[in-house]
Amino acid sequence: MSDNPRQKAEDHYYAALDHFAEGNHERALEDYRKSVTADPTFTEALHGMARTLQDLERLDEAIEVSKQITELDADDVLAHTSLSVLYQKKGMVPEAEAEANKARVLGWKQQLKKAALSSWLLALNSWHYDELINHPTDDGADEANKTARQRNGESLGQKARRIIFAVLVQYFEVMGEYMGLRE
């Protein structure tokens, strides 16, 4: 095995996956523990450990591991979903519903983040990119730039900057909400 802690963690993680696939949950658990010992921030191994503990009906331990994941990454949707399932299995319905709601909200935030980025890229794509390249400013305005300015009082470069600025404002508003900077 490698001396690199992350590589060690990954080696044990993949060994654990093999043991889990073979139905040898105790050996999988051993390798997941070794993986987390090598790199305590390796959430994939923690997820595997939580799932293995769940399959072994060691629900309290699985809950603790899932909580550990949320401490490392509060926005980990799978960790909150796992907690919801584990609480449900223990009959802790209010806790299960609270974690399910957290997972749902985090999922929506991730979708909004992707949607904002997609709309930004679509807006840039919809603009004639070669016009932006060929006419980025008013300097040395050629016939196309003169026509654009006569049509709406804006050069192509001005219009491009206005559109890009509006899309960036929208993107950063969504990102601010996603990151909890705005309510």
C-alpha atoms as a PDB file:
ATOM      1  CA  MET A   1       0.000   0.000   0.000  1.00  0.00           C
ATOM      2  CA  SER A   2       1.018   3.586  -0.601  1.00  0.00           C
ATOM      3  CA  ASP A   3       2.419   5.959   2.027  1.00  0.00           C
ATOM      4  CA  ASN A   4       0.036   8.648   0.782  1.00  0.00           C
ATOM      5  CA  PRO A   5      -2.857   8.783   3.325  1.00  0.00           C
ATOM      6  CA  ARG A   6      -5.517   9.456   0.680  1.00  0.00           C
ATOM      7  CA  GLN A   7      -4.249   6.618  -1.506  1.00  0.00           C
ATOM      8  CA  LYS A   8      -4.262   4.281   1.507  1.00  0.00           C
ATOM      9  CA  ALA A   9      -7.817   5.348   2.259  1.00  0.00           C
ATOM     10  CA  GLU A  10      -8.884   4.658  -1.321  1.00  0.00           C
ATOM     11  CA  ASP A  11      -7.152   1.259  -1.359  1.00  0.00           C
ATOM     12  CA  HIS A  12      -9.009   0.191   1.793  1.00  0.00           C
ATOM     13  CA  TYR A  13     -12.226   1.708   0.443  1.00  0.00           C
ATOM     14  CA  TYR A  14     -12.086  -0.363  -2.754  1.00  0.00           C
ATOM     15  CA  ALA A  15     -11.241  -3.493  -0.753  1.00  0.00           C
ATOM     16  CA  ALA A  16     -14.268  -2.761   1.443  1.00  0.00           C
ATOM     17  CA  LEU A  17     -16.491  -2.413  -1.627  1.00  0.00           C
ATOM     18  CA  ASP A  18     -15.318  -5.825  -2.832  1.00  0.00           C
ATOM     19  CA  HIS A  19     -16.023  -7.421   0.559  1.00  0.00           C
ATOM     20  CA  PHE A  20     -19.444  -5.768   0.688  1.00  0.00           C
ATOM     21  CA  ALA A  21     -20.292  -7.022  -2.814  1.00  0.00           C
ATOM     22  CA  GLU A  22     -19.291 -10.534  -1.740  1.00  0.00           C
ATOM     23  CA  GLY A  23     -21.622 -10.281   1.254  1.00  0.00           C
ATOM     24  CA  ASN A  24     -18.795 -10.205   3.781  1.00  0.00           C
ATOM     25  CA  HIS A  25     -20.007  -7.202   5.757  1.00  0.00           C
ATOM     26  CA  GLU A  26     -17.702  -7.611   8.762  1.00  0.00           C
ATOM     27  CA  ARG A  27     -14.580  -7.578   6.568  1.00  0.00           C
ATOM     28  CA  ALA A  28     -16.010  -4.639   4.631  1.00  0.00           C
ATOM     29  CA  LEU A  29     -16.500  -2.803   7.891  1.00  0.00           C
ATOM     30  CA  GLU A  30     -12.864  -3.469   8.849  1.00  0.00           C
ATOM     31  CA  ASP A  31     -11.614  -1.976   5.596  1.00  0.00           C
ATOM     32  CA  TYR A  32     -13.979   1.004   5.823  1.00  0.00           C
ATOM     33  CA  ARG A  33     -12.585   1.691   9.306  1.00  0.00           C
ATOM     34  CA  LYS A  34      -9.002   1.442   7.985  1.00  0.00           C
ATOM     35  CA  SER A  35      -9.950   3.796   5.157  1.00  0.00           C
ATOM     36  CA  VAL A  36     -11.350   6.393   7.563  1.00  0.00           C
ATOM     37  CA  THR A  37      -8.335   5.979   9.846  1.00  0.00           C
ATOM     38  CA  ALA A  38      -6.065   6.796   6.886  1.00  0.00           C
ATOM     39  CA  ASP A  39      -8.212   9.793   5.852  1.00  0.00           C
ATOM     40  CA  PRO A  40     -10.920  10.908   8.317  1.00  0.00           C
ATOM     41  CA  THR A  41     -12.390  13.289   5.702  1.00  0.00           C
ATOM     42  CA  PHE A  42     -13.039  10.569   3.109  1.00  0.00           C
ATOM     43  CA  THR A  43     -16.825  10.741   3.093  1.00  0.00           C
ATOM     44  CA  GLU A  44     -17.278   7.981   0.496  1.00  0.00           C
ATOM     45  CA  ALA A  45     -15.783   5.506   2.993  1.00  0.00           C
ATOM     46  CA  LEU A  46     -17.993   6.902   5.740  1.00  0.00           C
ATOM     47  CA  HIS A  47     -21.052   6.411   3.520  1.00  0.00           C
ATOM     48  CA  GLY A  48     -20.002   2.818   2.892  1.00  0.00           C
ATOM     49  CA  MET A  49     -19.451   2.260   6.588  1.00  0.00           C
ATOM     50  CA  ALA A  50     -22.882   3.676   7.457  1.00  0.00           C
ATOM     51  CA  ARG A  51     -24.555   1.448   4.867  1.00  0.00           C
ATOM     52  CA  THR A  52     -22.681  -1.623   6.083  1.00  0.00           C
ATOM     53  CA  LEU A  53     -23.642  -0.887   9.694  1.00  0.00           C
ATOM     54  CA  GLN A  54     -27.252  -0.451   8.580  1.00  0.00           C
ATOM     55  CA  ASP A  55     -27.201  -3.842   6.862  1.00  0.00           C
ATOM     56  CA  LEU A  56     -25.752  -5.358  10.045  1.00  0.00           C
ATOM     57  CA  GLU A  57     -28.666  -3.793  11.977  1.00  0.00           C
ATOM     58  CA  ARG A  58     -26.235  -1.700  14.029  1.00  0.00           C
ATOM     59  CA  LEU A  59     -28.405   1.362  13.600  1.00  0.00           C
ATOM     60  CA  ASP A  60     -27.013   3.489  16.438  1.00  0.00           C
ATOM     61  CA  GLU A  61     -23.496   3.171  15.033  1.00  0.00           C
ATOM     62  CA  ALA A  62     -24.763   3.896  11.518  1.00  0.00           C
ATOM     63  CA  ILE A  63     -26.465   7.045  12.813  1.00  0.00           C
ATOM     64  CA  GLU A  64     -23.231   8.221  14.450  1.00  0.00           C
ATOM     65  CA  VAL A  65     -21.278   7.670  11.238  1.00  0.00           C
ATOM     66  CA  SER A  66     -23.922   9.520   9.193  1.00  0.00           C
ATOM     67  CA  LYS A  67     -23.800  12.412  11.662  1.00  0.00           C
ATOM     68  CA  GLN A  68     -20.036  12.452  11.247  1.00  0.00           C
ATOM     69  CA  ILE A  69     -20.544  12.905   7.490  1.00  0.00           C
ATOM     70  CA  THR A  70     -22.878  15.875   8.065  1.00  0.00           C
ATOM     71  CA  GLU A  71     -20.237  17.427  10.317  1.00  0.00           C
ATOM     72  CA  LEU A  72     -17.703  17.132   7.503  1.00  0.00           C
ATOM     73  CA  ASP A  73     -20.147  18.268   4.818  1.00  0.00           C
ATOM     74  CA  ALA A  74     -23.399  19.825   6.007  1.00  0.00           C
ATOM     75  CA  ASP A  75     -24.668  19.883   2.398  1.00  0.00           C
ATOM     76  CA  ASP A  76     -24.295  16.126   1.831  1.00  0.00           C
ATOM     77  CA  VAL A  77     -27.778  15.110   0.662  1.00  0.00           C
ATOM     78  CA  LEU A  78     -27.064  11.392   0.952  1.00  0.00           C
ATOM     79  CA  ALA A  79     -25.968  11.723   4.592  1.00  0.00           C
ATOM     80  CA  HIS A  80     -29.240  13.440   5.519  1.00  0.00           C
ATOM     81  CA  THR A  81     -31.216  10.887   3.513  1.00  0.00           C
ATOM     82  CA  SER A  82     -29.375   8.065   5.295  1.00  0.00           C
ATOM     83  CA  LEU A  83     -30.115   9.636   8.668  1.00  0.00           C
ATOM     84  CA  SER A  84     -33.770   9.862   7.710  1.00  0.00           C
ATOM     85  CA  VAL A  85     -33.882   6.165   6.778  1.00  0.00           C
ATOM     86  CA  LEU A  86     -32.001   5.146   9.923  1.00  0.00           C
ATOM     87  CA  TYR A  87     -34.244   7.216  12.198  1.00  0.00           C
ATOM     88  CA  GLN A  88     -37.292   5.751  10.460  1.00  0.00           C
ATOM     89  CA  LYS A  89     -35.998   2.206  11.091  1.00  0.00           C
ATOM     90  CA  LYS A  90     -35.612   3.079  14.780  1.00  0.00           C
ATOM     91  CA  GLY A  91     -39.145   4.502  14.930  1.00  0.00           C
ATOM     92  CA  MET A  92     -37.869   8.052  15.444  1.00  0.00           C
ATOM     93  CA  VAL A  93     -40.397   9.603  13.062  1.00  0.00           C
ATOM     94  CA  PRO A  94     -39.958  13.333  13.897  1.00  0.00           C
ATOM     95  CA  GLU A  95     -36.171  13.025  13.506  1.00  0.00           C
ATOM     96  CA  ALA A  96     -36.621  11.061  10.271  1.00  0.00           C
ATOM     97  CA  GLU A  97     -38.928  13.734   8.851  1.00  0.00           C
ATOM     98  CA  ALA A  98     -36.549  16.532   9.864  1.00  0.00           C
ATOM     99  CA  GLU A  99     -33.623  14.848   8.093  1.00  0.00           C
ATOM    100  CA  ALA A 100     -35.765  14.096   5.027  1.00  0.00           C
ATOM    101  CA  ASN A 101     -36.701  17.777   4.853  1.00  0.00           C
ATOM    102  CA  LYS A 102     -33.027  18.813   5.122  1.00  0.00           C
ATOM    103  CA  ALA A 103     -32.155  16.421   2.301  1.00  0.00           C
ATOM    104  CA  ARG A 104     -35.009  17.759   0.175  1.00  0.00           C
ATOM    105  CA  VAL A 105     -34.027  21.414   0.686  1.00  0.00           C
ATOM    106  CA  LEU A 106     -30.364  20.660  -0.031  1.00  0.00           C
ATOM    107  CA  GLY A 107     -31.398  18.846  -3.204  1.00  0.00           C
ATOM    108  CA  TRP A 108     -33.421  21.870  -4.308  1.00  0.00           C
ATOM    109  CA  LYS A 109     -30.496  24.192  -3.592  1.00  0.00           C
ATOM    110  CA  GLN A 110     -28.220  22.006  -5.690  1.00  0.00           C
ATOM    111  CA  GLN A 111     -30.762  22.045  -8.502  1.00  0.00           C
ATOM    112  CA  LEU A 112     -30.993  25.849  -8.295  1.00  0.00           C
ATOM    113  CA  LYS A 113     -27.231  26.120  -8.423  1.00  0.00           C
ATOM    114  CA  LYS A 114     -27.129  23.952 -11.538  1.00  0.00           C
ATOM    115  CA  ALA A 115     -30.047  25.849 -13.084  1.00  0.00           C
ATOM    116  CA  ALA A 116     -28.366  29.209 -12.492  1.00  0.00           C
ATOM    117  CA  LEU A 117     -25.161  28.023 -14.091  1.00  0.00           C
ATOM    118  CA  SER A 118     -27.080  26.477 -16.988  1.00  0.00           C
ATOM    119  CA  SER A 119     -29.059  29.672 -17.606  1.00  0.00           C
ATOM    120  CA  TRP A 120     -25.838  31.670 -17.542  1.00  0.00           C
ATOM    121  CA  LEU A 121     -24.261  29.353 -20.109  1.00  0.00           C
ATOM    122  CA  LEU A 122     -27.401  29.347 -22.247  1.00  0.00           C
ATOM    123  CA  ALA A 123     -27.504  33.144 -22.227  1.00  0.00           C
ATOM    124  CA  LEU A 124     -23.899  33.287 -23.367  1.00  0.00           C
ATOM    125  CA  ASN A 125     -24.544  30.609 -25.977  1.00  0.00           C
ATOM    126  CA  SER A 126     -27.613  32.357 -27.325  1.00  0.00           C
ATOM    127  CA  TRP A 127     -25.606  35.478 -27.962  1.00  0.00           C
ATOM    128  CA  HIS A 128     -23.699  35.351 -31.214  1.00  0.00           C
ATOM    129  CA  TYR A 129     -20.287  34.573 -29.818  1.00  0.00           C
ATOM    130  CA  ASP A 130     -18.455  35.583 -32.946  1.00  0.00           C
ATOM    131  CA  GLU A 131     -20.135  39.000 -32.778  1.00  0.00           C
ATOM    132  CA  LEU A 132     -18.759  39.415 -29.257  1.00  0.00           C
ATOM    133  CA  ILE A 133     -15.290  38.486 -30.429  1.00  0.00           C
ATOM    134  CA  ASN A 134     -15.385  40.618 -33.551  1.00  0.00           C
ATOM    135  CA  HIS A 135     -17.008  43.669 -31.933  1.00  0.00           C
ATOM    136  CA  PRO A 136     -16.115  43.755 -28.234  1.00  0.00           C
ATOM    137  CA  THR A 137     -15.937  47.547 -27.899  1.00  0.00           C
ATOM    138  CA  ASP A 138     -16.958  50.762 -29.594  1.00  0.00           C
ATOM    139  CA  ASP A 139     -13.374  51.488 -30.613  1.00  0.00           C
ATOM    140  CA  GLY A 140     -13.059  51.629 -34.388  1.00  0.00           C
ATOM    141  CA  ALA A 141     -16.759  50.951 -34.920  1.00  0.00           C
ATOM    142  CA  ASP A 142     -17.378  49.300 -38.243  1.00  0.00           C
ATOM    143  CA  GLU A 143     -20.603  49.049 -40.241  1.00  0.00           C
ATOM    144  CA  ALA A 144     -22.184  46.345 -38.037  1.00  0.00           C
ATOM    145  CA  ASN A 145     -21.472  48.335 -34.909  1.00  0.00           C
ATOM    146  CA  LYS A 146     -22.902  51.516 -36.485  1.00  0.00           C
ATOM    147  CA  THR A 147     -26.030  49.631 -37.531  1.00  0.00           C
ATOM    148  CA  ALA A 148     -26.483  48.184 -34.038  1.00  0.00           C
ATOM    149  CA  ARG A 149     -26.033  51.609 -32.433  1.00  0.00           C
ATOM    150  CA  GLN A 150     -28.549  53.184 -34.840  1.00  0.00           C
ATOM    151  CA  ARG A 151     -31.040  50.376 -34.189  1.00  0.00           C
ATOM    152  CA  ASN A 152     -31.098  50.560 -30.398  1.00  0.00           C
ATOM    153  CA  GLY A 153     -28.501  53.045 -29.272  1.00  0.00           C
ATOM    154  CA  GLU A 154     -26.126  50.267 -28.132  1.00  0.00           C
ATOM    155  CA  SER A 155     -23.090  48.796 -29.765  1.00  0.00           C
ATOM    156  CA  LEU A 156     -22.694  45.041 -29.841  1.00  0.00           C
ATOM    157  CA  GLY A 157     -19.997  45.265 -27.165  1.00  0.00           C
ATOM    158  CA  GLN A 158     -22.248  47.327 -24.883  1.00  0.00           C
ATOM    159  CA  LYS A 159     -25.120  44.897 -25.350  1.00  0.00           C
ATOM    160  CA  ALA A 160     -22.850  41.932 -24.627  1.00  0.00           C
ATOM    161  CA  ARG A 161     -21.549  43.536 -21.441  1.00  0.00           C
ATOM    162  CA  ARG A 162     -25.114  44.355 -20.314  1.00  0.00           C
ATOM    163  CA  ILE A 163     -26.317  40.780 -20.914  1.00  0.00           C
ATOM    164  CA  ILE A 164     -23.292  39.212 -19.238  1.00  0.00           C
ATOM    165  CA  PHE A 165     -23.633  41.551 -16.257  1.00  0.00           C
ATOM    166  CA  ALA A 166     -27.361  40.727 -15.851  1.00  0.00           C
ATOM    167  CA  VAL A 167     -26.689  36.984 -16.007  1.00  0.00           C
ATOM    168  CA  LEU A 168     -23.814  37.246 -13.527  1.00  0.00           C
ATOM    169  CA  VAL A 169     -26.003  39.222 -11.108  1.00  0.00           C
ATOM    170  CA  GLN A 170     -28.662  36.501 -11.334  1.00  0.00           C
ATOM    171  CA  TYR A 171     -26.053  33.773 -10.866  1.00  0.00           C
ATOM    172  CA  PHE A 172     -24.499  35.399  -7.803  1.00  0.00           C
ATOM    173  CA  GLU A 173     -27.907  36.038  -6.252  1.00  0.00           C
ATOM    174  CA  VAL A 174     -28.723  32.339  -6.508  1.00  0.00           C
ATOM    175  CA  MET A 175     -25.245  31.357  -5.298  1.00  0.00           C
ATOM    176  CA  GLY A 176     -25.571  33.763  -2.348  1.00  0.00           C
ATOM    177  CA  GLU A 177     -28.836  32.121  -1.354  1.00  0.00           C
ATOM    178  CA  TYR A 178     -27.342  28.666  -1.844  1.00  0.00           C
ATOM    179  CA  MET A 179     -24.340  29.467   0.305  1.00  0.00           C
ATOM    180  CA  GLY A 180     -26.539  31.036   2.985  1.00  0.00           C
ATOM    181  CA  LEU A 181     -25.260  34.549   2.370  1.00  0.00           C
ATOM    182  CA  ARG A 182     -28.742  35.836   1.521  1.00  0.00           C
ATOM    183  CA  GLU A 183     -32.116  34.864   2.813  1.00  0.00           C
END
